[in-house]
Amino acid sequence: MVSQDLLDILRCPACVREKDGNLDFYQESWLICQDCGRKYPVVDDIPVMLIDEGDKWVNTAQTDLPVPPPPMD
């Protein structure tokens, strides 16, 4: 499980310089940016905060996200 302390400090790496970049924790499997909609998977309790990874899921509806996220390539 991802600690609440970590969730409190994580921000979207694509937005944090220009906006808040706040993230919603969805089904303990995804971090979703409130500003840009990028979706970052949480794999083995580790948030994968790579912009390229968030870009892969930006057009996927929140309800269509696979839980758990697929393994990293």
Protein backbone atom coordinates (compact mmCIF):
# COMPACT_ATOMS: atom_id res chain seq x y z
CA MET A 1 0.00 0.00 0.00
CA VAL A 2 1.20 3.52 -0.83
CA SER A 3 1.63 5.58 2.33
CA GLN A 4 -0.57 8.61 2.87
CA ASP A 5 2.54 10.72 3.51
CA LEU A 6 3.80 9.91 0.01
CA LEU A 7 0.41 10.57 -1.56
CA ASP A 8 0.32 13.96 0.15
CA ILE A 9 3.53 15.13 -1.50
CA LEU A 10 3.26 13.55 -4.97
CA ARG A 11 2.33 15.87 -7.85
CA CYS A 12 1.96 15.37 -11.59
CA PRO A 13 5.45 15.89 -13.05
CA ALA A 14 3.97 17.39 -16.22
CA CYS A 15 1.91 20.04 -14.43
CA VAL A 16 3.67 20.89 -11.19
CA ARG A 17 5.65 23.85 -12.57
CA GLU A 18 2.63 25.69 -13.99
CA LYS A 19 -0.31 24.33 -11.98
CA ASP A 20 -0.96 22.49 -8.73
CA GLY A 21 -0.65 19.02 -10.29
CA ASN A 22 -2.75 17.48 -7.53
CA LEU A 23 -3.47 13.79 -7.88
CA ASP A 24 -6.49 11.64 -7.05
CA PHE A 25 -5.78 8.10 -5.83
CA TYR A 26 -8.13 5.83 -7.76
CA GLN A 27 -8.85 2.27 -6.60
CA GLU A 28 -5.41 2.08 -4.96
CA SER A 29 -4.03 1.47 -8.47
CA TRP A 30 -3.84 4.83 -10.25
CA LEU A 31 -2.86 8.43 -9.60
CA ILE A 32 -4.91 10.78 -11.78
CA CYS A 33 -3.90 14.41 -12.31
CA GLN A 34 -6.73 16.84 -11.61
CA ASP A 35 -5.25 19.35 -14.07
CA CYS A 36 -4.24 17.42 -17.21
CA GLY A 37 -5.91 14.03 -16.77
CA ARG A 38 -2.72 11.99 -17.07
CA LYS A 39 -3.01 8.68 -15.28
CA TYR A 40 -0.01 7.17 -13.53
CA PRO A 41 -0.11 3.49 -12.56
CA VAL A 42 0.85 2.18 -9.14
CA VAL A 43 2.74 -1.08 -9.75
CA ASP A 44 3.74 -3.24 -6.77
CA ASP A 45 2.87 -0.32 -4.46
CA ILE A 46 5.25 2.00 -6.35
CA PRO A 47 3.82 5.03 -8.20
CA VAL A 48 5.25 5.19 -11.72
CA MET A 49 5.49 8.97 -12.10
CA LEU A 50 6.95 9.10 -15.62
CA ILE A 51 5.32 11.60 -17.97
CA ASP A 52 5.55 9.09 -20.84
CA GLU A 53 3.65 6.55 -18.73
CA GLY A 54 0.97 9.11 -17.84
CA ASP A 55 0.65 10.00 -21.54
CA LYS A 56 -0.19 6.38 -22.42
CA TRP A 57 -3.39 6.55 -20.35
CA VAL A 58 -4.48 10.19 -20.72
CA ASN A 59 -7.28 9.34 -23.18
CA THR A 60 -8.51 6.31 -21.23
CA ALA A 61 -11.63 6.96 -19.19
CA GLN A 62 -11.15 6.52 -15.47
CA THR A 63 -13.74 3.73 -15.39
CA ASP A 64 -11.87 1.89 -18.17
CA LEU A 65 -8.51 1.78 -16.40
CA PRO A 66 -7.33 -1.79 -15.72
CA VAL A 67 -7.16 -2.68 -12.04
CA PRO A 68 -4.49 -3.67 -11.27
CA PRO A 69 -2.44 -1.82 -13.90
CA PRO A 70 -0.55 -3.98 -16.38
CA PRO A 71 3.11 -4.76 -15.66
CA MET A 72 5.67 -2.27 -16.95
CA ASP A 73 7.24 -2.92 -20.35
